[in-house]
Structures are given as C-alpha cells and as structure tokens.
C-alpha cells in the first residue's frame, strides 16, 4: 500500500507501462511465430512477407529499449538464415 502521493502515481505509471509493454511483446511474438509457421510450412513467399512485416516491429522494440538490440539482431539473423535455406531448397 502506497503511503504518499508520489508512490501512488508511480504505481499508476508502472501499471500503464506494464500493459503497454505487454501488448508490444505480444505483437512481436506473434510476428515471429508467423514467420516460423511460414518457414515450417515451406512457403517461401509467405515467409519473406511475414519477415518483412516482423523486422520493423522488432526494430522499434529494440530502439525503445523493450528488448536488447543484440537480441533483435540475433532473432532477425536466425530467421533470415532459415529463409535463405528454404529458398535454396525450393530452387
């Protein structure tokens, strides 16, 4: 229980940012899942389209500090590597 006005305000701010960050994390996880699903179904065009949609989302989260920039780079790199492998096998 907060004992001061500033502590009560801080609780309100924390709750708002928690909900905002939770929505952003969900959005990026769904975008990553869409890319992985397209890769697993061996659909190259869908995988490339979903990857193109995912990149700006993950970059914005990294720029905002919600995820570390190296985590964003690693995630993009790994998914892109799978897409490249898929494109070589579909030729």
Protein backbone atom coordinates (compact mmCIF):
# COMPACT_ATOMS: atom_id res chain seq x y z
CA UNK A 1 0.00 0.00 0.00
CA UNK A 2 1.40 3.36 -1.06
CA UNK A 3 1.83 5.95 1.66
CA UNK A 4 2.49 9.04 -0.43
CA UNK A 5 1.04 10.72 -3.48
CA UNK A 6 4.21 10.14 -5.47
CA UNK A 7 4.17 6.42 -4.65
CA UNK A 8 0.54 6.15 -5.78
CA UNK A 9 1.37 7.95 -9.01
CA UNK A 10 4.34 5.67 -9.57
CA UNK A 11 2.08 2.62 -9.19
CA UNK A 12 -0.31 4.06 -11.79
CA UNK A 13 2.55 4.77 -14.18
CA UNK A 14 4.00 1.30 -13.70
CA UNK A 15 0.69 -0.35 -14.44
CA UNK A 16 0.20 1.68 -17.62
CA UNK A 17 3.69 0.92 -18.90
CA UNK A 18 3.30 -2.75 -17.97
CA UNK A 19 0.16 -3.03 -20.10
CA UNK A 20 1.76 -1.10 -22.97
CA UNK A 21 4.90 -3.26 -22.91
CA UNK A 22 2.85 -6.45 -22.61
CA UNK A 23 0.93 -5.55 -25.79
CA UNK A 24 4.15 -4.78 -27.66
CA UNK A 25 5.78 -8.04 -26.56
CA UNK A 26 2.71 -9.99 -27.65
CA UNK A 27 2.75 -8.28 -31.02
CA UNK A 28 6.40 -9.13 -31.71
CA UNK A 29 5.98 -12.71 -30.51
CA UNK A 30 3.03 -13.18 -32.86
CA UNK A 31 5.05 -11.72 -35.74
CA UNK A 32 7.94 -14.10 -35.02
CA UNK A 33 5.52 -17.01 -34.78
CA UNK A 34 4.03 -16.10 -38.18
CA UNK A 35 7.48 -16.22 -39.77
CA UNK A 36 8.30 -19.55 -38.14
CA UNK A 37 4.97 -21.03 -39.21
CA UNK A 38 5.57 -19.97 -42.81
CA UNK A 39 9.07 -21.46 -42.72
CA UNK A 40 7.81 -24.75 -41.27
CA UNK A 41 5.12 -24.98 -43.96
CA UNK A 42 7.90 -24.45 -46.53
CA UNK A 43 6.11 -21.45 -48.03
CA UNK A 44 8.94 -19.18 -49.19
CA UNK A 45 6.81 -16.25 -50.35
CA UNK A 46 4.77 -16.15 -47.15
CA UNK A 47 7.92 -16.44 -45.06
CA UNK A 48 9.51 -13.49 -46.84
CA UNK A 49 6.36 -11.38 -46.49
CA UNK A 50 5.99 -12.15 -42.78
CA UNK A 51 9.70 -11.48 -42.23
CA UNK A 52 9.36 -8.09 -43.92
CA UNK A 53 6.46 -7.26 -41.57
CA UNK A 54 8.35 -8.51 -38.50
CA UNK A 55 11.59 -6.54 -39.00
CA UNK A 56 10.21 -3.03 -38.33
CA UNK A 57 8.27 -4.27 -35.32
CA UNK A 58 11.31 -5.83 -33.70
CA UNK A 59 13.48 -2.82 -34.60
CA UNK A 60 11.04 -0.45 -32.88
CA UNK A 61 11.10 -2.56 -29.73
CA UNK A 62 14.89 -2.57 -29.72
CA UNK A 63 15.01 1.20 -30.27
CA UNK A 64 12.58 1.72 -27.41
CA UNK A 65 14.60 -0.45 -25.08
CA UNK A 66 11.97 -3.13 -24.58
CA UNK A 67 14.36 -5.77 -25.93
CA UNK A 68 18.11 -5.54 -26.27
CA UNK A 69 19.45 -4.59 -29.70
CA UNK A 70 21.59 -7.74 -29.83
CA UNK A 71 18.54 -9.93 -29.15
CA UNK A 72 16.74 -8.19 -32.01
CA UNK A 73 19.70 -8.69 -34.34
CA UNK A 74 20.08 -12.33 -33.34
CA UNK A 75 16.40 -13.07 -33.87
CA UNK A 76 16.35 -11.43 -37.29
CA UNK A 77 19.56 -13.19 -38.31
CA UNK A 78 18.37 -16.65 -37.31
CA UNK A 79 15.02 -16.31 -39.05
CA UNK A 80 16.65 -14.87 -42.17
CA UNK A 81 19.07 -17.79 -42.22
CA UNK A 82 16.14 -20.23 -42.24
CA UNK A 83 14.50 -18.30 -45.07
CA UNK A 84 17.72 -18.43 -47.10
CA UNK A 85 17.96 -22.18 -46.55
CA UNK A 86 14.33 -22.52 -47.63
CA UNK A 87 14.97 -20.50 -50.79
CA UNK A 88 17.95 -22.70 -51.73
CA UNK A 89 15.97 -25.90 -51.26
CA UNK A 90 13.00 -24.60 -53.26
CA UNK A 91 15.14 -23.88 -56.33
